[in-house]
Amino acid sequence: MVRYGFTTLAGLAEWQTRWSQTPLSERACGFESHTRHAQTFLSHDVVGTAGESLSMPHVRPQSVVESALRASDAGIPDRRNAEMHGVAVKTIRRWRRDYSDVDSPAVSRTPLPRARGEDGWLDTVAYAELLGWYLGDGYISRGRRGVFNLHVSNDVTYLGLNAQVAELMRTVKPGGRPHTRLMGRQCIAITVSWKHWPCLFPQHGPGRKHERPIVLEDWQARIVEAHPADFLRGLFHSDGSRVANWTQRVVAGKPKRYDYPRWQFTNVSADIRELCCWALDLVDVPWRQSNHKTISVSTRSGVARLDALIGLKDQGASLKSVRDAPSGDPAGTPARPR
């Protein structure tokens, strides 16, 4: 007997049953036309009647399969992926489908070196800002077939910012197609699906963010240190606000009112607030804690610098203008939160 599962023998017709297995010729209708005509094996062993292990190789070289799966993970469209590797579109889809549901030794599905930007694959500028949005108003949910969904919520009236979040998602996940949905009358959720969002956001976990530790990985901290202004833009444009504040002082014996702008970042998570303060220190912006959940930037110089670094919330700057904004180069680098 031959053990079946995902393992298939070359030359068996699609319609044949286990009781009528008359092999067809190798190219009876072309090995790309029927999935079971190709020698595709998710495990490389077929068990014979005596229990011996029979080695059954891929029709395509293993390097081609691995390269195609990596390209698919990176968001390359199936048609372009097929042209790159000289196979049919249905072959790309079959490889992705077959290898996604089993923990096969035939190919590694862990794209961490690429996801962490070690070979230039990740756009670190866009990632730094998207990380701020995720820590502020984002979360990850698990879908079907091991696919995860990154959701970022925002006020529906901020059209420019919502378009910016969608552009960031498309940049971080090449080929991503963000979609939106209304949540109530004033909230919009922007979503992109991908299997590797947890690789990019290892802070993902069960429960609310303020009820569990939020600590950056070393590779994330290096990105934030390189692009602190972009990280702050995501934080303040998600969970922050620029408000008009006032105070009253006695001058020459008479009360005088002073009006001034102030940036505030409000988050219940002490770890996320600490990350915000660390990033502000990186760009030399003075801050103070107003209450148990709010970080304030109130000095005239600090507000002006933060305005120049991250822009106003209602501007909705494009990704090009985001990259052209100054990021600062402080003489000393503050120690990041642990």
C-alpha atoms as a PDB file:
ATOM      1  CA  MET A   1       0.000   0.000   0.000  1.00  0.00           C
ATOM      2  CA  VAL A   2       0.999   3.582  -0.520  1.00  0.00           C
ATOM      3  CA  ARG A   3       0.236   6.148   2.182  1.00  0.00           C
ATOM      4  CA  TYR A   4      -1.585   9.165   0.831  1.00  0.00           C
ATOM      5  CA  GLY A   5      -2.215  12.608   2.275  1.00  0.00           C
ATOM      6  CA  PHE A   6      -0.613  15.488   0.542  1.00  0.00           C
ATOM      7  CA  THR A   7       1.899  13.111  -1.063  1.00  0.00           C
ATOM      8  CA  THR A   8       0.983  12.216  -4.659  1.00  0.00           C
ATOM      9  CA  LEU A   9       2.518   9.888  -7.191  1.00  0.00           C
ATOM     10  CA  ALA A  10       3.397  11.110 -10.681  1.00  0.00           C
ATOM     11  CA  GLY A  11       1.213   9.858 -13.504  1.00  0.00           C
ATOM     12  CA  LEU A  12      -2.062   9.235 -11.593  1.00  0.00           C
ATOM     13  CA  ALA A  13      -5.092  10.762 -13.288  1.00  0.00           C
ATOM     14  CA  GLU A  14      -7.286  13.120 -11.295  1.00  0.00           C
ATOM     15  CA  TRP A  15     -10.361  10.930 -11.685  1.00  0.00           C
ATOM     16  CA  GLN A  16      -8.722   7.628 -10.796  1.00  0.00           C
ATOM     17  CA  THR A  17      -9.573   5.953  -7.509  1.00  0.00           C
ATOM     18  CA  ARG A  18      -7.318   4.086  -5.137  1.00  0.00           C
ATOM     19  CA  TRP A  19      -8.695   0.822  -6.526  1.00  0.00           C
ATOM     20  CA  SER A  20      -7.968   1.726 -10.155  1.00  0.00           C
ATOM     21  CA  GLN A  21      -4.587   3.323 -10.363  1.00  0.00           C
ATOM     22  CA  THR A  22      -3.368   2.755 -13.886  1.00  0.00           C
ATOM     23  CA  PRO A  23      -0.458   5.140 -14.429  1.00  0.00           C
ATOM     24  CA  LEU A  24      -0.683   7.509 -17.384  1.00  0.00           C
ATOM     25  CA  SER A  25       2.292   8.589 -19.401  1.00  0.00           C
ATOM     26  CA  GLU A  26       4.366  11.364 -17.862  1.00  0.00           C
ATOM     27  CA  ARG A  27       2.993  14.002 -20.240  1.00  0.00           C
ATOM     28  CA  ALA A  28      -0.475  12.595 -20.836  1.00  0.00           C
ATOM     29  CA  CYS A  29      -1.905  16.113 -20.608  1.00  0.00           C
ATOM     30  CA  GLY A  30       1.102  18.109 -19.426  1.00  0.00           C
ATOM     31  CA  PHE A  31       2.335  18.179 -15.850  1.00  0.00           C
ATOM     32  CA  GLU A  32       1.055  21.731 -15.418  1.00  0.00           C
ATOM     33  CA  SER A  33      -2.541  20.918 -16.363  1.00  0.00           C
ATOM     34  CA  HIS A  34      -3.432  18.610 -13.466  1.00  0.00           C
ATOM     35  CA  THR A  35      -1.978  18.913  -9.988  1.00  0.00           C
ATOM     36  CA  ARG A  36      -1.681  15.140  -9.623  1.00  0.00           C
ATOM     37  CA  HIS A  37       0.290  14.691 -12.829  1.00  0.00           C
ATOM     38  CA  ALA A  38       3.254  16.553 -11.368  1.00  0.00           C
ATOM     39  CA  GLN A  39       5.739  14.920  -9.032  1.00  0.00           C
ATOM     40  CA  THR A  40       4.958  17.270  -6.144  1.00  0.00           C
ATOM     41  CA  PHE A  41       5.723  16.010  -2.677  1.00  0.00           C
ATOM     42  CA  LEU A  42       5.180  17.855   0.558  1.00  0.00           C
ATOM     43  CA  SER A  43       7.059  15.159   2.382  1.00  0.00           C
ATOM     44  CA  HIS A  44       9.820  13.559   0.380  1.00  0.00           C
ATOM     45  CA  ASP A  45       9.079  10.016   1.556  1.00  0.00           C
ATOM     46  CA  VAL A  46       6.487   7.519   0.293  1.00  0.00           C
ATOM     47  CA  VAL A  47       6.089   4.387   2.400  1.00  0.00           C
ATOM     48  CA  GLY A  48       6.006   1.155   0.446  1.00  0.00           C
ATOM     49  CA  THR A  49       4.503  -2.204   1.367  1.00  0.00           C
ATOM     50  CA  ALA A  50       7.594  -3.273   3.275  1.00  0.00           C
ATOM     51  CA  GLY A  51       7.869   0.008   5.094  1.00  0.00           C
ATOM     52  CA  GLU A  52      10.817   1.211   3.008  1.00  0.00           C
ATOM     53  CA  SER A  53      11.210   4.926   2.290  1.00  0.00           C
ATOM     54  CA  LEU A  54      11.122   5.837  -1.403  1.00  0.00           C
ATOM     55  CA  SER A  55      12.684   9.198  -2.361  1.00  0.00           C
ATOM     56  CA  MET A  56      10.415  11.155  -4.724  1.00  0.00           C
ATOM     57  CA  PRO A  57      11.910  14.522  -5.856  1.00  0.00           C
ATOM     58  CA  HIS A  58      10.086  17.618  -7.122  1.00  0.00           C
ATOM     59  CA  VAL A  59       9.635  18.111 -10.850  1.00  0.00           C
ATOM     60  CA  ARG A  60      10.942  21.633 -10.307  1.00  0.00           C
ATOM     61  CA  PRO A  61      14.231  22.177  -8.469  1.00  0.00           C
ATOM     62  CA  GLN A  62      13.770  22.741  -4.773  1.00  0.00           C
ATOM     63  CA  SER A  63      15.437  26.149  -5.112  1.00  0.00           C
ATOM     64  CA  VAL A  64      12.700  27.235  -7.550  1.00  0.00           C
ATOM     65  CA  VAL A  65       9.944  26.176  -5.135  1.00  0.00           C
ATOM     66  CA  GLU A  66      11.559  28.016  -2.235  1.00  0.00           C
ATOM     67  CA  SER A  67      12.182  31.145  -4.315  1.00  0.00           C
ATOM     68  CA  ALA A  68       8.577  31.211  -5.548  1.00  0.00           C
ATOM     69  CA  LEU A  69       7.211  30.816  -2.018  1.00  0.00           C
ATOM     70  CA  ARG A  70       9.445  33.615  -0.736  1.00  0.00           C
ATOM     71  CA  ALA A  71       8.247  35.870  -3.541  1.00  0.00           C
ATOM     72  CA  SER A  72       4.646  34.997  -2.689  1.00  0.00           C
ATOM     73  CA  ASP A  73       5.294  35.809   0.983  1.00  0.00           C
ATOM     74  CA  ALA A  74       6.657  39.203  -0.089  1.00  0.00           C
ATOM     75  CA  GLY A  75       3.381  39.986  -1.854  1.00  0.00           C
ATOM     76  CA  ILE A  76       4.484  39.442  -5.474  1.00  0.00           C
ATOM     77  CA  PRO A  77       1.330  38.822  -7.593  1.00  0.00           C
ATOM     78  CA  ASP A  78       0.887  35.226  -8.721  1.00  0.00           C
ATOM     79  CA  ARG A  79       1.074  36.053 -12.436  1.00  0.00           C
ATOM     80  CA  ARG A  80       4.322  37.982 -12.076  1.00  0.00           C
ATOM     81  CA  ASN A  81       5.700  35.297  -9.743  1.00  0.00           C
ATOM     82  CA  ALA A  82       4.901  32.629 -12.326  1.00  0.00           C
ATOM     83  CA  GLU A  83       6.660  34.582 -15.070  1.00  0.00           C
ATOM     84  CA  MET A  84       9.712  35.061 -12.869  1.00  0.00           C
ATOM     85  CA  HIS A  85      10.055  31.315 -12.215  1.00  0.00           C
ATOM     86  CA  GLY A  86       8.846  29.922 -15.551  1.00  0.00           C
ATOM     87  CA  VAL A  87       5.824  28.045 -14.223  1.00  0.00           C
ATOM     88  CA  ALA A  88       2.073  28.312 -14.563  1.00  0.00           C
ATOM     89  CA  VAL A  89       0.019  30.548 -12.283  1.00  0.00           C
ATOM     90  CA  LYS A  90      -1.842  27.512 -10.940  1.00  0.00           C
ATOM     91  CA  THR A  91       1.500  25.972  -9.942  1.00  0.00           C
ATOM     92  CA  ILE A  92       2.329  29.003  -7.790  1.00  0.00           C
ATOM     93  CA  ARG A  93      -1.107  28.788  -6.173  1.00  0.00           C
ATOM     94  CA  ARG A  94      -0.761  25.052  -5.581  1.00  0.00           C
ATOM     95  CA  TRP A  95       2.658  25.402  -3.971  1.00  0.00           C
ATOM     96  CA  ARG A  96       1.380  28.153  -1.694  1.00  0.00           C
ATOM     97  CA  ARG A  97      -1.744  26.190  -0.800  1.00  0.00           C
ATOM     98  CA  ASP A  98       0.017  22.890  -0.173  1.00  0.00           C
ATOM     99  CA  TYR A  99       2.880  24.260   1.892  1.00  0.00           C
ATOM    100  CA  SER A 100       0.727  26.645   3.921  1.00  0.00           C
ATOM    101  CA  ASP A 101      -1.209  23.896   5.703  1.00  0.00           C
ATOM    102  CA  VAL A 102       1.636  21.584   6.676  1.00  0.00           C
ATOM    103  CA  ASP A 103       4.847  22.032   8.600  1.00  0.00           C
ATOM    104  CA  SER A 104       6.922  20.647   5.775  1.00  0.00           C
ATOM    105  CA  PRO A 105      10.693  20.301   5.878  1.00  0.00           C
ATOM    106  CA  ALA A 106      10.747  20.934   2.135  1.00  0.00           C
ATOM    107  CA  VAL A 107      10.793  24.712   2.544  1.00  0.00           C
ATOM    108  CA  SER A 108      11.160  27.194   5.371  1.00  0.00           C
ATOM    109  CA  ARG A 109       8.219  29.599   5.697  1.00  0.00           C
ATOM    110  CA  THR A 110       9.939  31.909   8.204  1.00  0.00           C
ATOM    111  CA  PRO A 111      10.865  35.172   6.434  1.00  0.00           C
ATOM    112  CA  LEU A 112      12.403  36.814   9.501  1.00  0.00           C
ATOM    113  CA  PRO A 113      15.702  37.953   7.904  1.00  0.00           C
ATOM    114  CA  ARG A 114      13.765  39.669   5.088  1.00  0.00           C
ATOM    115  CA  ALA A 115      11.045  40.930   7.393  1.00  0.00           C
ATOM    116  CA  ARG A 116      13.629  42.521   9.660  1.00  0.00           C
ATOM    117  CA  GLY A 117      15.197  44.470   6.866  1.00  0.00           C
ATOM    118  CA  GLU A 118      18.564  42.728   6.965  1.00  0.00           C
ATOM    119  CA  ASP A 119      18.847  42.741   3.159  1.00  0.00           C
ATOM    120  CA  GLY A 120      17.036  45.965   2.395  1.00  0.00           C
ATOM    121  CA  TRP A 121      13.677  44.328   1.726  1.00  0.00           C
ATOM    122  CA  LEU A 122      11.780  46.254   4.419  1.00  0.00           C
ATOM    123  CA  ASP A 123      11.093  49.964   3.976  1.00  0.00           C
ATOM    124  CA  THR A 124      12.240  51.032   7.431  1.00  0.00           C
ATOM    125  CA  VAL A 125      10.913  54.602   7.139  1.00  0.00           C
ATOM    126  CA  ALA A 126       7.376  53.426   6.460  1.00  0.00           C
ATOM    127  CA  TYR A 127       7.725  50.641   9.035  1.00  0.00           C
ATOM    128  CA  ALA A 128       8.753  53.055  11.794  1.00  0.00           C
ATOM    129  CA  GLU A 129       5.598  55.110  11.281  1.00  0.00           C
ATOM    130  CA  LEU A 130       3.362  52.052  10.913  1.00  0.00           C
ATOM    131  CA  LEU A 131       4.808  50.699  14.170  1.00  0.00           C
ATOM    132  CA  GLY A 132       3.677  53.902  15.885  1.00  0.00           C
ATOM    133  CA  TRP A 133       0.202  53.544  14.432  1.00  0.00           C
ATOM    134  CA  TYR A 134       0.055  49.901  15.543  1.00  0.00           C
ATOM    135  CA  LEU A 135       1.072  50.718  19.117  1.00  0.00           C
ATOM    136  CA  GLY A 136      -1.419  53.565  19.198  1.00  0.00           C
ATOM    137  CA  ASP A 137      -4.610  52.400  17.508  1.00  0.00           C
ATOM    138  CA  GLY A 138      -3.759  49.105  15.845  1.00  0.00           C
ATOM    139  CA  TYR A 139      -4.196  45.421  16.528  1.00  0.00           C
ATOM    140  CA  ILE A 140      -3.730  42.079  14.770  1.00  0.00           C
ATOM    141  CA  SER A 141      -6.371  39.374  14.450  1.00  0.00           C
ATOM    142  CA  ARG A 142      -6.011  35.833  13.153  1.00  0.00           C
ATOM    143  CA  GLY A 143      -7.991  34.805  10.092  1.00  0.00           C
ATOM    144  CA  ARG A 144      -8.341  31.560   8.195  1.00  0.00           C
ATOM    145  CA  ARG A 145      -5.521  29.409   6.853  1.00  0.00           C
ATOM    146  CA  GLY A 146      -2.919  31.040   9.059  1.00  0.00           C
ATOM    147  CA  VAL A 147      -3.454  34.535   7.650  1.00  0.00           C
ATOM    148  CA  PHE A 148      -3.328  37.505  10.033  1.00  0.00           C
ATOM    149  CA  ASN A 149      -5.091  40.833   9.638  1.00  0.00           C
ATOM    150  CA  LEU A 150      -3.528  44.139  10.650  1.00  0.00           C
ATOM    151  CA  HIS A 151      -6.199  46.681  11.599  1.00  0.00           C
ATOM    152  CA  VAL A 152      -5.614  50.380  12.277  1.00  0.00           C
ATOM    153  CA  SER A 153      -8.559  52.446  13.499  1.00  0.00           C
ATOM    154  CA  ASN A 154      -8.907  56.196  13.100  1.00  0.00           C
ATOM    155  CA  ASP A 155     -11.455  59.001  12.965  1.00  0.00           C
ATOM    156  CA  VAL A 156     -13.258  58.873   9.632  1.00  0.00           C
ATOM    157  CA  THR A 157     -12.972  62.646   9.171  1.00  0.00           C
ATOM    158  CA  TYR A 158      -9.163  62.489   8.807  1.00  0.00           C
ATOM    159  CA  LEU A 159      -9.203  61.584   5.123  1.00  0.00           C
ATOM    160  CA  GLY A 160      -5.551  62.450   4.553  1.00  0.00           C
ATOM    161  CA  LEU A 161      -4.308  60.435   7.512  1.00  0.00           C
ATOM    162  CA  ASN A 162      -6.436  57.434   6.565  1.00  0.00           C
ATOM    163  CA  ALA A 163      -5.005  57.513   3.059  1.00  0.00           C
ATOM    164  CA  GLN A 164      -1.531  57.787   4.577  1.00  0.00           C
ATOM    165  CA  VAL A 165      -2.072  54.676   6.734  1.00  0.00           C
ATOM    166  CA  ALA A 166      -3.205  52.710   3.664  1.00  0.00           C
ATOM    167  CA  GLU A 167      -0.100  53.881   1.783  1.00  0.00           C
ATOM    168  CA  LEU A 168       2.125  52.824   4.671  1.00  0.00           C
ATOM    169  CA  MET A 169       0.564  49.356   4.666  1.00  0.00           C
ATOM    170  CA  ARG A 170       1.096  49.005   0.921  1.00  0.00           C
ATOM    171  CA  THR A 171       4.714  50.087   1.332  1.00  0.00           C
ATOM    172  CA  VAL A 172       5.496  47.736   4.216  1.00  0.00           C
ATOM    173  CA  LYS A 173       3.731  44.842   2.503  1.00  0.00           C
ATOM    174  CA  PRO A 174       4.521  45.094  -1.223  1.00  0.00           C
ATOM    175  CA  GLY A 175       1.439  44.241  -3.224  1.00  0.00           C
ATOM    176  CA  GLY A 176      -0.841  44.707  -0.223  1.00  0.00           C
ATOM    177  CA  ARG A 177      -4.387  45.846  -0.893  1.00  0.00           C
ATOM    178  CA  PRO A 178      -5.793  47.756   2.082  1.00  0.00           C
ATOM    179  CA  HIS A 179      -9.542  47.781   2.531  1.00  0.00           C
ATOM    180  CA  THR A 180     -11.639  49.868   4.866  1.00  0.00           C
ATOM    181  CA  ARG A 181     -14.862  49.459   6.803  1.00  0.00           C
ATOM    182  CA  LEU A 182     -16.877  51.763   8.997  1.00  0.00           C
ATOM    183  CA  MET A 183     -17.098  50.935  12.682  1.00  0.00           C
ATOM    184  CA  GLY A 184     -19.937  53.069  13.955  1.00  0.00           C
ATOM    185  CA  ARG A 185     -20.450  56.571  12.594  1.00  0.00           C
ATOM    186  CA  GLN A 186     -17.075  58.167  13.319  1.00  0.00           C
ATOM    187  CA  CYS A 187     -14.524  55.354  13.176  1.00  0.00           C
ATOM    188  CA  ILE A 188     -12.916  53.664  10.188  1.00  0.00           C
ATOM    189  CA  ALA A 189     -10.763  50.532  10.235  1.00  0.00           C
ATOM    190  CA  ILE A 190      -8.023  50.071   7.624  1.00  0.00           C
ATOM    191  CA  THR A 191      -7.017  46.439   7.146  1.00  0.00           C
ATOM    192  CA  VAL A 192      -4.403  44.442   5.236  1.00  0.00           C
ATOM    193  CA  SER A 193      -4.078  40.653   5.452  1.00  0.00           C
ATOM    194  CA  TRP A 194      -0.737  38.839   5.543  1.00  0.00           C
ATOM    195  CA  LYS A 195       0.689  35.702   7.103  1.00  0.00           C
ATOM    196  CA  HIS A 196       3.713  37.496   8.477  1.00  0.00           C
ATOM    197  CA  TRP A 197       2.331  40.462  10.393  1.00  0.00           C
ATOM    198  CA  PRO A 198       3.343  38.773  13.676  1.00  0.00           C
ATOM    199  CA  CYS A 199       6.917  38.608  12.313  1.00  0.00           C
ATOM    200  CA  LEU A 200       6.906  42.383  11.846  1.00  0.00           C
ATOM    201  CA  PHE A 201       4.976  43.134  15.025  1.00  0.00           C
ATOM    202  CA  PRO A 202       6.136  40.612  17.654  1.00  0.00           C
ATOM    203  CA  GLN A 203       4.278  42.685  20.279  1.00  0.00           C
ATOM    204  CA  HIS A 204       1.118  40.949  19.061  1.00  0.00           C
ATOM    205  CA  GLY A 205      -0.438  38.737  21.708  1.00  0.00           C
ATOM    206  CA  PRO A 206      -3.660  37.895  23.504  1.00  0.00           C
ATOM    207  CA  GLY A 207      -5.364  40.594  25.523  1.00  0.00           C
ATOM    208  CA  ARG A 208      -5.124  44.360  25.525  1.00  0.00           C
ATOM    209  CA  LYS A 209      -1.767  46.038  24.995  1.00  0.00           C
ATOM    210  CA  HIS A 210      -1.862  47.843  28.347  1.00  0.00           C
ATOM    211  CA  GLU A 211      -2.397  44.520  30.132  1.00  0.00           C
ATOM    212  CA  ARG A 212       0.794  42.886  28.837  1.00  0.00           C
ATOM    213  CA  PRO A 213       4.422  43.964  28.416  1.00  0.00           C
ATOM    214  CA  ILE A 214       5.235  45.932  25.257  1.00  0.00           C
ATOM    215  CA  VAL A 215       8.972  45.742  24.547  1.00  0.00           C
ATOM    216  CA  LEU A 216      10.684  46.387  21.222  1.00  0.00           C
ATOM    217  CA  GLU A 217      12.948  43.749  19.723  1.00  0.00           C
ATOM    218  CA  ASP A 218      16.528  44.837  19.080  1.00  0.00           C
ATOM    219  CA  TRP A 219      15.963  45.134  15.318  1.00  0.00           C
ATOM    220  CA  GLN A 220      12.866  47.285  15.934  1.00  0.00           C
ATOM    221  CA  ALA A 221      14.776  49.543  18.313  1.00  0.00           C
ATOM    222  CA  ARG A 222      17.470  50.079  15.670  1.00  0.00           C
ATOM    223  CA  ILE A 223      14.801  51.159  13.182  1.00  0.00           C
ATOM    224  CA  VAL A 224      13.243  53.586  15.660  1.00  0.00           C
ATOM    225  CA  GLU A 225      16.672  55.008  16.536  1.00  0.00           C
ATOM    226  CA  ALA A 226      17.281  55.592  12.812  1.00  0.00           C
ATOM    227  CA  HIS A 227      13.814  57.113  12.213  1.00  0.00           C
ATOM    228  CA  PRO A 228      12.488  58.535  15.499  1.00  0.00           C
ATOM    229  CA  ALA A 229      10.429  61.280  13.833  1.00  0.00           C
ATOM    230  CA  ASP A 230       8.500  58.738  11.752  1.00  0.00           C
ATOM    231  CA  PHE A 231       7.835  56.617  14.832  1.00  0.00           C
ATOM    232  CA  LEU A 232       6.598  59.691  16.722  1.00  0.00           C
ATOM    233  CA  ARG A 233       4.387  60.637  13.789  1.00  0.00           C
ATOM    234  CA  GLY A 234       2.602  57.305  14.026  1.00  0.00           C
ATOM    235  CA  LEU A 235       2.220  57.610  17.803  1.00  0.00           C
ATOM    236  CA  PHE A 236       0.960  61.198  17.915  1.00  0.00           C
ATOM    237  CA  HIS A 237      -1.254  60.930  14.842  1.00  0.00           C
ATOM    238  CA  SER A 238      -2.961  57.875  16.323  1.00  0.00           C
ATOM    239  CA  ASP A 239      -3.166  58.454  20.079  1.00  0.00           C
ATOM    240  CA  GLY A 240      -2.090  62.094  20.206  1.00  0.00           C
ATOM    241  CA  SER A 241      -3.564  65.546  19.716  1.00  0.00           C
ATOM    242  CA  ARG A 242      -2.455  69.139  19.302  1.00  0.00           C
ATOM    243  CA  VAL A 243      -4.621  71.321  21.489  1.00  0.00           C
ATOM    244  CA  ALA A 244      -4.874  74.986  22.433  1.00  0.00           C
ATOM    245  CA  ASN A 245      -4.000  75.397  26.106  1.00  0.00           C
ATOM    246  CA  TRP A 246      -4.029  78.505  28.284  1.00  0.00           C
ATOM    247  CA  THR A 247      -2.815  79.694  31.621  1.00  0.00           C
ATOM    248  CA  GLN A 248      -3.213  82.837  33.704  1.00  0.00           C
ATOM    249  CA  ARG A 249      -0.515  84.788  35.466  1.00  0.00           C
ATOM    250  CA  VAL A 250      -0.387  88.035  37.426  1.00  0.00           C
ATOM    251  CA  VAL A 251       1.634  90.693  35.628  1.00  0.00           C
ATOM    252  CA  ALA A 252       2.065  94.155  37.170  1.00  0.00           C
ATOM    253  CA  GLY A 253      -0.655  93.373  39.633  1.00  0.00           C
ATOM    254  CA  LYS A 254      -3.171  92.341  36.979  1.00  0.00           C
ATOM    255  CA  PRO A 255      -4.133  88.838  35.751  1.00  0.00           C
ATOM    256  CA  LYS A 256      -3.016  88.112  32.198  1.00  0.00           C
ATOM    257  CA  ARG A 257      -4.057  85.146  30.088  1.00  0.00           C
ATOM    258  CA  TYR A 258      -1.566  83.270  27.914  1.00  0.00           C
ATOM    259  CA  ASP A 259      -2.715  80.973  25.095  1.00  0.00           C
ATOM    260  CA  TYR A 260      -0.292  78.436  23.631  1.00  0.00           C
ATOM    261  CA  PRO A 261      -0.413  75.144  21.663  1.00  0.00           C
ATOM    262  CA  ARG A 262       0.465  71.828  23.239  1.00  0.00           C
ATOM    263  CA  TRP A 263       0.983  68.289  21.967  1.00  0.00           C
ATOM    264  CA  GLN A 264      -0.428  65.471  24.082  1.00  0.00           C
ATOM    265  CA  PHE A 265       0.021  61.713  23.754  1.00  0.00           C
ATOM    266  CA  THR A 266      -2.475  59.637  25.721  1.00  0.00           C
ATOM    267  CA  ASN A 267      -2.140  55.877  26.166  1.00  0.00           C
ATOM    268  CA  VAL A 268      -3.039  53.598  29.074  1.00  0.00           C
ATOM    269  CA  SER A 269       0.016  51.385  28.512  1.00  0.00           C
ATOM    270  CA  ALA A 270       2.979  52.531  30.614  1.00  0.00           C
ATOM    271  CA  ASP A 271       5.353  50.697  28.240  1.00  0.00           C
ATOM    272  CA  ILE A 272       4.036  52.521  25.175  1.00  0.00           C
ATOM    273  CA  ARG A 273       4.218  55.888  26.963  1.00  0.00           C
ATOM    274  CA  GLU A 274       7.815  55.085  27.881  1.00  0.00           C
ATOM    275  CA  LEU A 275       8.617  54.330  24.232  1.00  0.00           C
ATOM    276  CA  CYS A 276       7.103  57.683  23.288  1.00  0.00           C
ATOM    277  CA  CYS A 277       9.265  59.500  25.847  1.00  0.00           C
ATOM    278  CA  TRP A 278      12.364  57.652  24.622  1.00  0.00           C
ATOM    279  CA  ALA A 279      11.666  58.705  21.018  1.00  0.00           C
ATOM    280  CA  LEU A 280      11.119  62.322  22.127  1.00  0.00           C
ATOM    281  CA  ASP A 281      14.506  62.209  23.852  1.00  0.00           C
ATOM    282  CA  LEU A 282      16.063  60.955  20.614  1.00  0.00           C
ATOM    283  CA  VAL A 283      14.981  64.142  18.809  1.00  0.00           C
ATOM    284  CA  ASP A 284      15.644  66.501  21.739  1.00  0.00           C
ATOM    285  CA  VAL A 285      12.005  67.418  22.363  1.00  0.00           C
ATOM    286  CA  PRO A 286      11.311  68.227  26.054  1.00  0.00           C
ATOM    287  CA  TRP A 287       8.300  66.515  27.579  1.00  0.00           C
ATOM    288  CA  ARG A 288       6.566  65.968  30.884  1.00  0.00           C
ATOM    289  CA  GLN A 289       3.874  63.634  32.192  1.00  0.00           C
ATOM    290  CA  SER A 290       0.646  65.565  32.724  1.00  0.00           C
ATOM    291  CA  ASN A 291      -1.281  62.758  34.384  1.00  0.00           C
ATOM    292  CA  HIS A 292      -1.160  59.002  34.785  1.00  0.00           C
ATOM    293  CA  LYS A 293      -1.730  58.347  31.067  1.00  0.00           C
ATOM    294  CA  THR A 294      -0.724  61.540  29.209  1.00  0.00           C
ATOM    295  CA  ILE A 295       2.642  62.802  27.955  1.00  0.00           C
ATOM    296  CA  SER A 296       2.731  66.514  27.079  1.00  0.00           C
ATOM    297  CA  VAL A 297       5.014  68.685  24.973  1.00  0.00           C
ATOM    298  CA  SER A 298       4.252  72.234  26.064  1.00  0.00           C
ATOM    299  CA  THR A 299       7.306  74.449  25.610  1.00  0.00           C
ATOM    300  CA  ARG A 300       7.319  76.804  22.645  1.00  0.00           C
ATOM    301  CA  SER A 301      10.518  75.342  21.216  1.00  0.00           C
ATOM    302  CA  GLY A 302       9.371  71.767  21.807  1.00  0.00           C
ATOM    303  CA  VAL A 303       6.019  72.293  20.077  1.00  0.00           C
ATOM    304  CA  ALA A 304       7.679  74.028  17.139  1.00  0.00           C
ATOM    305  CA  ARG A 305      10.194  71.209  16.730  1.00  0.00           C
ATOM    306  CA  LEU A 306       7.534  68.531  16.968  1.00  0.00           C
ATOM    307  CA  ASP A 307       5.407  70.414  14.426  1.00  0.00           C
ATOM    308  CA  ALA A 308       8.338  70.383  12.011  1.00  0.00           C
ATOM    309  CA  LEU A 309       9.093  66.703  12.621  1.00  0.00           C
ATOM    310  CA  ILE A 310       5.640  65.122  12.406  1.00  0.00           C
ATOM    311  CA  GLY A 311       3.307  67.750  10.930  1.00  0.00           C
ATOM    312  CA  LEU A 312      -0.246  68.521  11.960  1.00  0.00           C
ATOM    313  CA  LYS A 313      -2.809  65.752  12.129  1.00  0.00           C
ATOM    314  CA  ASP A 314      -5.152  67.291   9.604  1.00  0.00           C
ATOM    315  CA  GLN A 315      -2.465  67.740   6.940  1.00  0.00           C
ATOM    316  CA  GLY A 316      -2.316  64.053   5.931  1.00  0.00           C
ATOM    317  CA  ALA A 317       1.089  64.406   4.299  1.00  0.00           C
ATOM    318  CA  SER A 318       2.083  62.014   1.547  1.00  0.00           C
ATOM    319  CA  LEU A 319       4.753  59.392   2.120  1.00  0.00           C
ATOM    320  CA  LYS A 320       7.194  61.429   0.003  1.00  0.00           C
ATOM    321  CA  SER A 321       6.832  64.490   2.219  1.00  0.00           C
ATOM    322  CA  VAL A 322       7.076  62.231   5.266  1.00  0.00           C
ATOM    323  CA  ARG A 323      10.489  61.014   4.085  1.00  0.00           C
ATOM    324  CA  ASP A 324      11.649  64.563   3.338  1.00  0.00           C
ATOM    325  CA  ALA A 325      10.826  65.758   6.875  1.00  0.00           C
ATOM    326  CA  PRO A 326      13.853  66.329   9.180  1.00  0.00           C
ATOM    327  CA  SER A 327      14.534  63.541  11.638  1.00  0.00           C
ATOM    328  CA  GLY A 328      17.092  65.237  13.886  1.00  0.00           C
ATOM    329  CA  ASP A 329      20.574  64.128  14.787  1.00  0.00           C
ATOM    330  CA  PRO A 330      21.057  64.503  18.539  1.00  0.00           C
ATOM    331  CA  ALA A 331      24.560  64.412  19.891  1.00  0.00           C
ATOM    332  CA  GLY A 332      23.766  61.660  22.356  1.00  0.00           C
ATOM    333  CA  THR A 333      21.447  58.657  21.985  1.00  0.00           C
ATOM    334  CA  PRO A 334      19.237  58.040  25.038  1.00  0.00           C
ATOM    335  CA  ALA A 335      18.978  54.504  26.303  1.00  0.00           C
ATOM    336  CA  ARG A 336      15.840  52.823  25.040  1.00  0.00           C
ATOM    337  CA  PRO A 337      13.263  51.389  27.475  1.00  0.00           C
ATOM    338  CA  ARG A 338      13.757  47.795  28.542  1.00  0.00           C
END
